[in-house]
PDB file of all heavy atoms in Angstrom:
ATOM      1  N   GLY A   1     -76.807  46.302 -21.355  1.00  0.00           N
ATOM      2  CA  GLY A   1     -76.330  45.259 -20.460  1.00  0.00           C
ATOM      3  C   GLY A   1     -77.443  44.606 -19.686  1.00  0.00           C
ATOM      4  O   GLY A   1     -77.198  43.618 -18.955  1.00  0.00           O
ATOM      5  N   LEU A   2     -78.674  45.078 -19.873  1.00  0.00           N
ATOM      6  CA  LEU A   2     -79.824  44.463 -19.230  1.00  0.00           C
ATOM      7  C   LEU A   2     -80.592  43.652 -20.277  1.00  0.00           C
ATOM      8  O   LEU A   2     -80.792  44.066 -21.392  1.00  0.00           O
ATOM      9  CB  LEU A   2     -80.766  45.528 -18.646  1.00  0.00           C
ATOM     10  CG  LEU A   2     -80.245  46.382 -17.504  1.00  0.00           C
ATOM     11  CD1 LEU A   2     -81.343  47.314 -17.042  1.00  0.00           C
ATOM     12  CD2 LEU A   2     -79.711  45.563 -16.381  1.00  0.00           C
ATOM     13  N   LEU A   3     -81.051  42.441 -19.883  1.00  0.00           N
ATOM     14  CA  LEU A   3     -81.984  41.702 -20.714  1.00  0.00           C
ATOM     15  C   LEU A   3     -83.324  42.409 -20.666  1.00  0.00           C
ATOM     16  O   LEU A   3     -83.650  43.121 -19.716  1.00  0.00           O
ATOM     17  CB  LEU A   3     -82.114  40.277 -20.167  1.00  0.00           C
ATOM     18  CG  LEU A   3     -80.826  39.404 -20.205  1.00  0.00           C
ATOM     19  CD1 LEU A   3     -81.101  38.084 -19.491  1.00  0.00           C
ATOM     20  CD2 LEU A   3     -80.386  39.157 -21.627  1.00  0.00           C
ATOM     21  N   PHE A   4     -84.147  42.195 -21.679  1.00  0.00           N
ATOM     22  CA  PHE A   4     -85.452  42.840 -21.731  1.00  0.00           C
ATOM     23  C   PHE A   4     -86.268  42.456 -20.499  1.00  0.00           C
ATOM     24  O   PHE A   4     -87.062  43.285 -20.015  1.00  0.00           O
ATOM     25  CB  PHE A   4     -86.196  42.418 -23.010  1.00  0.00           C
ATOM     26  CG  PHE A   4     -85.778  43.179 -24.222  1.00  0.00           C
ATOM     27  CD1 PHE A   4     -84.574  43.863 -24.286  1.00  0.00           C
ATOM     28  CD2 PHE A   4     -86.602  43.229 -25.325  1.00  0.00           C
ATOM     29  CE1 PHE A   4     -84.205  44.565 -25.424  1.00  0.00           C
ATOM     30  CE2 PHE A   4     -86.254  43.931 -26.477  1.00  0.00           C
ATOM     31  CZ  PHE A   4     -85.036  44.595 -26.534  1.00  0.00           C
ATOM     32  N   GLU A   5     -86.129  41.243 -19.998  1.00  0.00           N
ATOM     33  CA  GLU A   5     -86.918  40.829 -18.849  1.00  0.00           C
ATOM     34  C   GLU A   5     -86.470  41.507 -17.574  1.00  0.00           C
ATOM     35  O   GLU A   5     -87.157  41.410 -16.550  1.00  0.00           O
ATOM     36  CB  GLU A   5     -86.804  39.310 -18.705  1.00  0.00           C
ATOM     37  CG  GLU A   5     -85.429  38.824 -18.355  1.00  0.00           C
ATOM     38  CD  GLU A   5     -85.312  37.290 -18.397  1.00  0.00           C
ATOM     39  OE1 GLU A   5     -86.015  36.694 -19.196  1.00  0.00           O
ATOM     40  OE2 GLU A   5     -84.488  36.769 -17.648  1.00  0.00           O
ATOM     41  N   GLU A   6     -85.340  42.214 -17.602  1.00  0.00           N
ATOM     42  CA  GLU A   6     -84.871  42.954 -16.443  1.00  0.00           C
ATOM     43  C   GLU A   6     -85.230  44.440 -16.456  1.00  0.00           C
ATOM     44  O   GLU A   6     -85.042  45.145 -15.481  1.00  0.00           O
ATOM     45  CB  GLU A   6     -83.335  42.845 -16.352  1.00  0.00           C
ATOM     46  CG  GLU A   6     -82.820  41.418 -16.127  1.00  0.00           C
ATOM     47  CD  GLU A   6     -81.305  41.397 -16.126  1.00  0.00           C
ATOM     48  OE1 GLU A   6     -80.676  41.722 -17.177  1.00  0.00           O
ATOM     49  OE2 GLU A   6     -80.741  40.992 -15.086  1.00  0.00           O
ATOM     50  N   VAL A   7     -85.746  44.899 -17.571  1.00  0.00           N
ATOM     51  CA  VAL A   7     -86.050  46.316 -17.702  1.00  0.00           C
ATOM     52  C   VAL A   7     -87.285  46.654 -16.859  1.00  0.00           C
ATOM     53  O   VAL A   7     -88.288  45.940 -16.897  1.00  0.00           O
ATOM     54  CB  VAL A   7     -86.293  46.701 -19.172  1.00  0.00           C
ATOM     55  CG1 VAL A   7     -86.768  48.157 -19.289  1.00  0.00           C
ATOM     56  CG2 VAL A   7     -85.009  46.507 -19.995  1.00  0.00           C
ATOM     57  N   CYS A   8     -87.202  47.755 -16.147  1.00  0.00           N
ATOM     58  CA  CYS A   8     -88.350  48.247 -15.394  1.00  0.00           C
ATOM     59  C   CYS A   8     -88.408  49.769 -15.530  1.00  0.00           C
ATOM     60  O   CYS A   8     -87.454  50.378 -16.089  1.00  0.00           O
ATOM     61  CB  CYS A   8     -88.301  47.830 -13.923  1.00  0.00           C
ATOM     62  SG  CYS A   8     -86.865  48.391 -13.028  1.00  0.00           S
ATOM     63  N   ALA A   9     -89.456  50.382 -15.046  1.00  0.00           N
ATOM     64  CA  ALA A   9     -89.669  51.808 -15.242  1.00  0.00           C
ATOM     65  C   ALA A   9     -88.508  52.646 -14.701  1.00  0.00           C
ATOM     66  O   ALA A   9     -88.129  53.654 -15.293  1.00  0.00           O
ATOM     67  CB  ALA A   9     -90.977  52.200 -14.589  1.00  0.00           C
ATOM     68  N   SER A  10     -87.922  52.232 -13.601  1.00  0.00           N
ATOM     69  CA  SER A  10     -86.917  53.038 -12.932  1.00  0.00           C
ATOM     70  C   SER A  10     -85.524  52.915 -13.497  1.00  0.00           C
ATOM     71  O   SER A  10     -84.662  53.749 -13.222  1.00  0.00           O
ATOM     72  CB  SER A  10     -86.887  52.719 -11.443  1.00  0.00           C
ATOM     73  OG  SER A  10     -86.497  51.350 -11.245  1.00  0.00           O
ATOM     74  N   ASN A  11     -85.228  51.848 -14.285  1.00  0.00           N
ATOM     75  CA  ASN A  11     -83.869  51.686 -14.772  1.00  0.00           C
ATOM     76  C   ASN A  11     -83.679  52.075 -16.254  1.00  0.00           C
ATOM     77  O   ASN A  11     -82.650  51.832 -16.836  1.00  0.00           O
ATOM     78  CB  ASN A  11     -83.292  50.301 -14.489  1.00  0.00           C
ATOM     79  CG  ASN A  11     -84.029  49.169 -15.195  1.00  0.00           C
ATOM     80  OD1 ASN A  11     -84.649  49.374 -16.230  1.00  0.00           O
ATOM     81  ND2 ASN A  11     -83.959  47.991 -14.604  1.00  0.00           N
ATOM     82  N   LEU A  12     -84.724  52.680 -16.846  1.00  0.00           N
ATOM     83  CA  LEU A  12     -84.570  53.188 -18.206  1.00  0.00           C
ATOM     84  C   LEU A  12     -83.675  54.430 -18.207  1.00  0.00           C
ATOM     85  O   LEU A  12     -83.697  55.211 -17.256  1.00  0.00           O
ATOM     86  CB  LEU A  12     -85.957  53.551 -18.751  1.00  0.00           C
ATOM     87  CG  LEU A  12     -86.847  52.349 -19.070  1.00  0.00           C
ATOM     88  CD1 LEU A  12     -88.306  52.739 -19.142  1.00  0.00           C
ATOM     89  CD2 LEU A  12     -86.419  51.690 -20.405  1.00  0.00           C
ATOM     90  N   VAL A  13     -82.907  54.578 -19.266  1.00  0.00           N
ATOM     91  CA  VAL A  13     -81.959  55.685 -19.371  1.00  0.00           C
ATOM     92  C   VAL A  13     -82.574  56.831 -20.144  1.00  0.00           C
ATOM     93  O   VAL A  13     -83.161  56.622 -21.216  1.00  0.00           O
ATOM     94  CB  VAL A  13     -80.657  55.204 -20.061  1.00  0.00           C
ATOM     95  CG1 VAL A  13     -79.661  56.358 -20.176  1.00  0.00           C
ATOM     96  CG2 VAL A  13     -80.063  54.023 -19.302  1.00  0.00           C
ATOM     97  N   LYS A  14     -82.441  58.065 -19.638  1.00  0.00           N
ATOM     98  CA  LYS A  14     -82.929  59.256 -20.355  1.00  0.00           C
ATOM     99  C   LYS A  14     -81.794  59.847 -21.184  1.00  0.00           C
ATOM    100  O   LYS A  14     -80.697  60.088 -20.677  1.00  0.00           O
ATOM    101  CB  LYS A  14     -83.438  60.287 -19.378  1.00  0.00           C
ATOM    102  CG  LYS A  14     -84.129  61.496 -20.032  1.00  0.00           C
ATOM    103  CD  LYS A  14     -84.465  62.584 -19.023  1.00  0.00           C
ATOM    104  CE  LYS A  14     -85.435  62.084 -17.969  1.00  0.00           C
ATOM    105  NZ  LYS A  14     -85.840  63.201 -17.093  1.00  0.00           N
ATOM    106  N   VAL A  15     -82.076  60.053 -22.484  1.00  0.00           N
ATOM    107  CA  VAL A  15     -81.048  60.502 -23.424  1.00  0.00           C
ATOM    108  C   VAL A  15     -81.547  61.757 -24.139  1.00  0.00           C
ATOM    109  O   VAL A  15     -82.731  61.872 -24.454  1.00  0.00           O
ATOM    110  CB  VAL A  15     -80.756  59.387 -24.459  1.00  0.00           C
ATOM    111  CG1 VAL A  15     -79.602  59.786 -25.357  1.00  0.00           C
ATOM    112  CG2 VAL A  15     -80.458  58.074 -23.787  1.00  0.00           C
ATOM    113  N   SER A  16     -80.620  62.671 -24.454  1.00  0.00           N
ATOM    114  CA  SER A  16     -80.977  63.853 -25.215  1.00  0.00           C
ATOM    115  C   SER A  16     -80.924  63.525 -26.703  1.00  0.00           C
ATOM    116  O   SER A  16     -80.370  62.493 -27.120  1.00  0.00           O
ATOM    117  CB  SER A  16     -80.037  65.021 -24.912  1.00  0.00           C
ATOM    118  OG  SER A  16     -78.765  64.776 -25.496  1.00  0.00           O
ATOM    119  N   ALA A  17     -81.413  64.447 -27.516  1.00  0.00           N
ATOM    120  CA  ALA A  17     -81.413  64.257 -28.978  1.00  0.00           C
ATOM    121  C   ALA A  17     -79.992  64.175 -29.526  1.00  0.00           C
ATOM    122  O   ALA A  17     -79.757  63.566 -30.556  1.00  0.00           O
ATOM    123  CB  ALA A  17     -82.169  65.377 -29.646  1.00  0.00           C
ATOM    124  N   SER A  18     -79.033  64.756 -28.827  1.00  0.00           N
ATOM    125  CA  SER A  18     -77.652  64.751 -29.264  1.00  0.00           C
ATOM    126  C   SER A  18     -76.854  63.540 -28.708  1.00  0.00           C
ATOM    127  O   SER A  18     -75.686  63.367 -29.045  1.00  0.00           O
ATOM    128  CB  SER A  18     -76.945  66.039 -28.828  1.00  0.00           C
ATOM    129  OG  SER A  18     -76.920  66.131 -27.416  1.00  0.00           O
ATOM    130  N   GLY A  19     -77.501  62.727 -27.874  1.00  0.00           N
ATOM    131  CA  GLY A  19     -76.823  61.557 -27.362  1.00  0.00           C
ATOM    132  C   GLY A  19     -76.275  61.702 -25.966  1.00  0.00           C
ATOM    133  O   GLY A  19     -75.687  60.782 -25.419  1.00  0.00           O
ATOM    134  N   GLU A  20     -76.501  62.829 -25.341  1.00  0.00           N
ATOM    135  CA  GLU A  20     -76.046  63.049 -23.964  1.00  0.00           C
ATOM    136  C   GLU A  20     -76.918  62.240 -23.001  1.00  0.00           C
ATOM    137  O   GLU A  20     -78.141  62.319 -23.079  1.00  0.00           O
ATOM    138  CB  GLU A  20     -76.097  64.530 -23.619  1.00  0.00           C
ATOM    139  CG  GLU A  20     -75.655  64.825 -22.182  1.00  0.00           C
ATOM    140  CD  GLU A  20     -75.865  66.278 -21.823  1.00  0.00           C
ATOM    141  OE1 GLU A  20     -76.371  67.048 -22.659  1.00  0.00           O
ATOM    142  OE2 GLU A  20     -75.513  66.642 -20.665  1.00  0.00           O
ATOM    143  N   ILE A  21     -76.286  61.505 -22.121  1.00  0.00           N
ATOM    144  CA  ILE A  21     -77.018  60.750 -21.130  1.00  0.00           C
ATOM    145  C   ILE A  21     -77.402  61.702 -19.986  1.00  0.00           C
ATOM    146  O   ILE A  21     -76.552  62.258 -19.317  1.00  0.00           O
ATOM    147  CB  ILE A  21     -76.205  59.562 -20.609  1.00  0.00           C
ATOM    148  CG1 ILE A  21     -76.016  58.557 -21.726  1.00  0.00           C
ATOM    149  CG2 ILE A  21     -76.922  58.911 -19.419  1.00  0.00           C
ATOM    150  CD1 ILE A  21     -75.171  57.351 -21.345  1.00  0.00           C
ATOM    151  N   LEU A  22     -78.703  61.879 -19.801  1.00  0.00           N
ATOM    152  CA  LEU A  22     -79.196  62.837 -18.805  1.00  0.00           C
ATOM    153  C   LEU A  22     -79.510  62.172 -17.482  1.00  0.00           C
ATOM    154  O   LEU A  22     -79.440  62.808 -16.448  1.00  0.00           O
ATOM    155  CB  LEU A  22     -80.468  63.508 -19.367  1.00  0.00           C
ATOM    156  CG  LEU A  22     -80.329  64.209 -20.721  1.00  0.00           C
ATOM    157  CD1 LEU A  22     -81.675  64.707 -21.195  1.00  0.00           C
ATOM    158  CD2 LEU A  22     -79.310  65.347 -20.618  1.00  0.00           C
ATOM    159  N   ASP A  23     -79.858  60.895 -17.527  1.00  0.00           N
ATOM    160  CA  ASP A  23     -80.140  60.154 -16.298  1.00  0.00           C
ATOM    161  C   ASP A  23     -79.934  58.677 -16.556  1.00  0.00           C
ATOM    162  O   ASP A  23     -80.610  58.103 -17.459  1.00  0.00           O
ATOM    163  CB  ASP A  23     -81.592  60.403 -15.859  1.00  0.00           C
ATOM    164  CG  ASP A  23     -81.934  59.661 -14.554  1.00  0.00           C
ATOM    165  OD1 ASP A  23     -81.044  59.454 -13.743  1.00  0.00           O
ATOM    166  OD2 ASP A  23     -83.121  59.282 -14.429  1.00  0.00           O
ATOM    167  N   ASP A  24     -79.043  58.063 -15.828  1.00  0.00           N
ATOM    168  CA  ASP A  24     -78.748  56.622 -16.016  1.00  0.00           C
ATOM    169  C   ASP A  24     -78.661  55.979 -14.628  1.00  0.00           C
ATOM    170  O   ASP A  24     -77.572  55.942 -14.033  1.00  0.00           O
ATOM    171  CB  ASP A  24     -77.442  56.420 -16.773  1.00  0.00           C
ATOM    172  CG  ASP A  24     -77.105  54.955 -16.988  1.00  0.00           C
ATOM    173  OD1 ASP A  24     -77.930  54.113 -16.641  1.00  0.00           O
ATOM    174  OD2 ASP A  24     -76.012  54.672 -17.526  1.00  0.00           O
ATOM    175  N   PRO A  25     -79.744  55.440 -14.138  1.00  0.00           N
ATOM    176  CA  PRO A  25     -79.757  54.794 -12.806  1.00  0.00           C
ATOM    177  C   PRO A  25     -78.816  53.618 -12.729  1.00  0.00           C
ATOM    178  O   PRO A  25     -78.387  53.241 -11.622  1.00  0.00           O
ATOM    179  CB  PRO A  25     -81.222  54.372 -12.627  1.00  0.00           C
ATOM    180  CG  PRO A  25     -82.000  55.220 -13.579  1.00  0.00           C
ATOM    181  CD  PRO A  25     -81.069  55.444 -14.742  1.00  0.00           C
ATOM    182  N   THR A  26     -78.496  52.978 -13.878  1.00  0.00           N
ATOM    183  CA  THR A  26     -77.666  51.806 -13.850  1.00  0.00           C
ATOM    184  C   THR A  26     -76.170  52.100 -13.911  1.00  0.00           C
ATOM    185  O   THR A  26     -75.356  51.271 -13.471  1.00  0.00           O
ATOM    186  CB  THR A  26     -78.010  50.867 -15.044  1.00  0.00           C
ATOM    187  OG1 THR A  26     -77.587  51.502 -16.258  1.00  0.00           O
ATOM    188  CG2 THR A  26     -79.487  50.589 -15.101  1.00  0.00           C
ATOM    189  N   GLY A  27     -75.821  53.222 -14.511  1.00  0.00           N
ATOM    190  CA  GLY A  27     -74.417  53.567 -14.670  1.00  0.00           C
ATOM    191  C   GLY A  27     -73.684  52.827 -15.745  1.00  0.00           C
ATOM    192  O   GLY A  27     -72.466  52.963 -15.892  1.00  0.00           O
ATOM    193  N   VAL A  28     -74.402  52.074 -16.595  1.00  0.00           N
ATOM    194  CA  VAL A  28     -73.726  51.278 -17.631  1.00  0.00           C
ATOM    195  C   VAL A  28     -73.838  51.918 -19.006  1.00  0.00           C
ATOM    196  O   VAL A  28     -73.184  51.430 -19.954  1.00  0.00           O
ATOM    197  CB  VAL A  28     -74.263  49.833 -17.674  1.00  0.00           C
ATOM    198  CG1 VAL A  28     -74.033  49.142 -16.354  1.00  0.00           C
ATOM    199  CG2 VAL A  28     -75.740  49.797 -18.042  1.00  0.00           C
ATOM    200  N   GLY A  29     -74.643  52.924 -19.190  1.00  0.00           N
ATOM    201  CA  GLY A  29     -74.730  53.618 -20.482  1.00  0.00           C
ATOM    202  C   GLY A  29     -75.651  52.941 -21.441  1.00  0.00           C
ATOM    203  O   GLY A  29     -76.439  52.067 -21.103  1.00  0.00           O
ATOM    204  N   ILE A  30     -75.542  53.355 -22.732  1.00  0.00           N
ATOM    205  CA  ILE A  30     -76.437  52.853 -23.769  1.00  0.00           C
ATOM    206  C   ILE A  30     -75.599  52.323 -24.962  1.00  0.00           C
ATOM    207  O   ILE A  30     -74.407  52.619 -25.068  1.00  0.00           O
ATOM    208  CB  ILE A  30     -77.406  53.938 -24.286  1.00  0.00           C
ATOM    209  CG1 ILE A  30     -76.596  55.128 -24.857  1.00  0.00           C
ATOM    210  CG2 ILE A  30     -78.329  54.388 -23.161  1.00  0.00           C
ATOM    211  CD1 ILE A  30     -77.434  56.162 -25.550  1.00  0.00           C
ATOM    212  N   ASN A  31     -76.257  51.610 -25.832  1.00  0.00           N
ATOM    213  CA  ASN A  31     -75.615  51.076 -27.021  1.00  0.00           C
ATOM    214  C   ASN A  31     -75.613  52.167 -28.106  1.00  0.00           C
ATOM    215  O   ASN A  31     -76.669  52.722 -28.456  1.00  0.00           O
ATOM    216  CB  ASN A  31     -76.407  49.858 -27.528  1.00  0.00           C
ATOM    217  CG  ASN A  31     -75.763  49.175 -28.722  1.00  0.00           C
ATOM    218  OD1 ASN A  31     -74.923  49.747 -29.375  1.00  0.00           O
ATOM    219  ND2 ASN A  31     -76.157  47.947 -28.946  1.00  0.00           N
ATOM    220  N   ALA A  32     -74.421  52.505 -28.647  1.00  0.00           N
ATOM    221  CA  ALA A  32     -74.314  53.576 -29.637  1.00  0.00           C
ATOM    222  C   ALA A  32     -75.170  53.307 -30.867  1.00  0.00           C
ATOM    223  O   ALA A  32     -75.825  54.201 -31.416  1.00  0.00           O
ATOM    224  CB  ALA A  32     -72.864  53.742 -30.044  1.00  0.00           C
ATOM    225  N   ALA A  33     -75.205  52.056 -31.321  1.00  0.00           N
ATOM    226  CA  ALA A  33     -76.007  51.724 -32.512  1.00  0.00           C
ATOM    227  C   ALA A  33     -77.481  51.917 -32.228  1.00  0.00           C
ATOM    228  O   ALA A  33     -78.215  52.354 -33.110  1.00  0.00           O
ATOM    229  CB  ALA A  33     -75.731  50.269 -32.918  1.00  0.00           C
ATOM    230  N   GLY A  34     -77.916  51.587 -31.030  1.00  0.00           N
ATOM    231  CA  GLY A  34     -79.289  51.808 -30.676  1.00  0.00           C
ATOM    232  C   GLY A  34     -79.663  53.291 -30.686  1.00  0.00           C
ATOM    233  O   GLY A  34     -80.724  53.667 -31.165  1.00  0.00           O
ATOM    234  N   PHE A  35     -78.726  54.115 -30.200  1.00  0.00           N
ATOM    235  CA  PHE A  35     -78.995  55.545 -30.231  1.00  0.00           C
ATOM    236  C   PHE A  35     -79.124  56.092 -31.650  1.00  0.00           C
ATOM    237  O   PHE A  35     -80.027  56.850 -31.945  1.00  0.00           O
ATOM    238  CB  PHE A  35     -77.887  56.333 -29.512  1.00  0.00           C
ATOM    239  CG  PHE A  35     -77.992  57.809 -29.705  1.00  0.00           C
ATOM    240  CD1 PHE A  35     -78.910  58.555 -28.996  1.00  0.00           C
ATOM    241  CD2 PHE A  35     -77.184  58.455 -30.660  1.00  0.00           C
ATOM    242  CE1 PHE A  35     -79.059  59.900 -29.201  1.00  0.00           C
ATOM    243  CE2 PHE A  35     -77.308  59.808 -30.843  1.00  0.00           C
ATOM    244  CZ  PHE A  35     -78.241  60.536 -30.142  1.00  0.00           C
ATOM    245  N   VAL A  36     -78.277  55.636 -32.521  1.00  0.00           N
ATOM    246  CA  VAL A  36     -78.288  56.120 -33.916  1.00  0.00           C
ATOM    247  C   VAL A  36     -79.663  55.830 -34.552  1.00  0.00           C
ATOM    248  O   VAL A  36     -80.291  56.719 -35.145  1.00  0.00           O
ATOM    249  CB  VAL A  36     -77.159  55.496 -34.746  1.00  0.00           C
ATOM    250  CG1 VAL A  36     -77.359  55.745 -36.224  1.00  0.00           C
ATOM    251  CG2 VAL A  36     -75.806  56.046 -34.305  1.00  0.00           C
ATOM    252  N   ILE A  37     -80.112  54.612 -34.463  1.00  0.00           N
ATOM    253  CA  ILE A  37     -81.357  54.217 -35.128  1.00  0.00           C
ATOM    254  C   ILE A  37     -82.528  54.948 -34.503  1.00  0.00           C
ATOM    255  O   ILE A  37     -83.377  55.524 -35.200  1.00  0.00           O
ATOM    256  CB  ILE A  37     -81.536  52.710 -35.039  1.00  0.00           C
ATOM    257  CG1 ILE A  37     -80.475  51.993 -35.924  1.00  0.00           C
ATOM    258  CG2 ILE A  37     -82.950  52.303 -35.462  1.00  0.00           C
ATOM    259  CD1 ILE A  37     -80.436  50.489 -35.746  1.00  0.00           C
ATOM    260  N   HIS A  38     -82.632  54.921 -33.196  1.00  0.00           N
ATOM    261  CA  HIS A  38     -83.814  55.499 -32.520  1.00  0.00           C
ATOM    262  C   HIS A  38     -83.824  57.015 -32.570  1.00  0.00           C
ATOM    263  O   HIS A  38     -84.904  57.611 -32.768  1.00  0.00           O
ATOM    264  CB  HIS A  38     -83.896  54.971 -31.117  1.00  0.00           C
ATOM    265  CG  HIS A  38     -84.239  53.514 -31.060  1.00  0.00           C
ATOM    266  ND1 HIS A  38     -85.482  53.037 -30.683  1.00  0.00           N
ATOM    267  CD2 HIS A  38     -83.510  52.405 -31.340  1.00  0.00           C
ATOM    268  CE1 HIS A  38     -85.496  51.740 -30.774  1.00  0.00           C
ATOM    269  NE2 HIS A  38     -84.311  51.326 -31.172  1.00  0.00           N
ATOM    270  N   SER A  39     -82.687  57.644 -32.445  1.00  0.00           N
ATOM    271  CA  SER A  39     -82.641  59.102 -32.506  1.00  0.00           C
ATOM    272  C   SER A  39     -83.022  59.584 -33.886  1.00  0.00           C
ATOM    273  O   SER A  39     -83.625  60.671 -34.030  1.00  0.00           O
ATOM    274  CB  SER A  39     -81.269  59.640 -32.093  1.00  0.00           C
ATOM    275  OG  SER A  39     -80.280  59.210 -32.998  1.00  0.00           O
ATOM    276  N   ALA A  40     -82.697  58.819 -34.917  1.00  0.00           N
ATOM    277  CA  ALA A  40     -83.036  59.208 -36.291  1.00  0.00           C
ATOM    278  C   ALA A  40     -84.530  59.314 -36.448  1.00  0.00           C
ATOM    279  O   ALA A  40     -85.060  60.288 -37.035  1.00  0.00           O
ATOM    280  CB  ALA A  40     -82.470  58.181 -37.276  1.00  0.00           C
ATOM    281  N   VAL A  41     -85.260  58.338 -35.918  1.00  0.00           N
ATOM    282  CA  VAL A  41     -86.707  58.345 -36.053  1.00  0.00           C
ATOM    283  C   VAL A  41     -87.343  59.427 -35.181  1.00  0.00           C
ATOM    284  O   VAL A  41     -88.209  60.173 -35.643  1.00  0.00           O
ATOM    285  CB  VAL A  41     -87.297  56.958 -35.718  1.00  0.00           C
ATOM    286  CG1 VAL A  41     -88.822  56.974 -35.885  1.00  0.00           C
ATOM    287  CG2 VAL A  41     -86.678  55.889 -36.621  1.00  0.00           C
ATOM    288  N   HIS A  42     -86.915  59.529 -33.950  1.00  0.00           N
ATOM    289  CA  HIS A  42     -87.510  60.521 -33.052  1.00  0.00           C
ATOM    290  C   HIS A  42     -87.294  61.951 -33.568  1.00  0.00           C
ATOM    291  O   HIS A  42     -88.156  62.798 -33.477  1.00  0.00           O
ATOM    292  CB  HIS A  42     -86.944  60.374 -31.642  1.00  0.00           C
ATOM    293  CG  HIS A  42     -87.458  59.205 -30.903  1.00  0.00           C
ATOM    294  ND1 HIS A  42     -88.801  59.078 -30.577  1.00  0.00           N
ATOM    295  CD2 HIS A  42     -86.845  58.090 -30.408  1.00  0.00           C
ATOM    296  CE1 HIS A  42     -88.970  57.909 -29.935  1.00  0.00           C
ATOM    297  NE2 HIS A  42     -87.793  57.338 -29.812  1.00  0.00           N
ATOM    298  N   ALA A  43     -86.134  62.206 -34.152  1.00  0.00           N
ATOM    299  CA  ALA A  43     -85.848  63.549 -34.639  1.00  0.00           C
ATOM    300  C   ALA A  43     -86.679  63.874 -35.890  1.00  0.00           C
ATOM    301  O   ALA A  43     -87.120  65.027 -36.073  1.00  0.00           O
ATOM    302  CB  ALA A  43     -84.357  63.688 -34.992  1.00  0.00           C
ATOM    303  N   ALA A  44     -86.896  62.870 -36.757  1.00  0.00           N
ATOM    304  CA  ALA A  44     -87.582  63.124 -38.002  1.00  0.00           C
ATOM    305  C   ALA A  44     -89.104  63.026 -37.900  1.00  0.00           C
ATOM    306  O   ALA A  44     -89.815  63.601 -38.748  1.00  0.00           O
ATOM    307  CB  ALA A  44     -87.102  62.121 -39.063  1.00  0.00           C
ATOM    308  N   ARG A  45     -89.582  62.354 -36.883  1.00  0.00           N
ATOM    309  CA  ARG A  45     -91.031  62.090 -36.794  1.00  0.00           C
ATOM    310  C   ARG A  45     -91.598  62.550 -35.447  1.00  0.00           C
ATOM    311  O   ARG A  45     -91.720  61.752 -34.494  1.00  0.00           O
ATOM    312  CB  ARG A  45     -91.272  60.594 -36.996  1.00  0.00           C
ATOM    313  CG  ARG A  45     -90.941  60.064 -38.399  1.00  0.00           C
ATOM    314  CD  ARG A  45     -92.039  60.392 -39.372  1.00  0.00           C
ATOM    315  NE  ARG A  45     -93.300  59.815 -38.951  1.00  0.00           N
ATOM    316  CZ  ARG A  45     -93.678  58.577 -39.217  1.00  0.00           C
ATOM    317  NH1 ARG A  45     -92.862  57.760 -39.899  1.00  0.00           N
ATOM    318  NH2 ARG A  45     -94.836  58.110 -38.779  1.00  0.00           N
ATOM    319  N   PRO A  46     -91.982  63.827 -35.331  1.00  0.00           N
ATOM    320  CA  PRO A  46     -92.568  64.289 -34.072  1.00  0.00           C
ATOM    321  C   PRO A  46     -93.868  63.598 -33.716  1.00  0.00           C
ATOM    322  O   PRO A  46     -94.312  63.665 -32.554  1.00  0.00           O
ATOM    323  CB  PRO A  46     -92.753  65.802 -34.313  1.00  0.00           C
ATOM    324  CG  PRO A  46     -92.756  65.951 -35.793  1.00  0.00           C
ATOM    325  CD  PRO A  46     -91.838  64.871 -36.324  1.00  0.00           C
TER     326      PRO A  46
END
């Protein structure tokens, strides 16, 4: 829900490998499709 130009260090969302939101300063959550793509790479490529 944030434009890229609105992103700053403090409003980034922390997510676990399983998709659990660990810290979300904005309260709006994340895009499910974004999680699928990015978690795939992070899990496979340490």
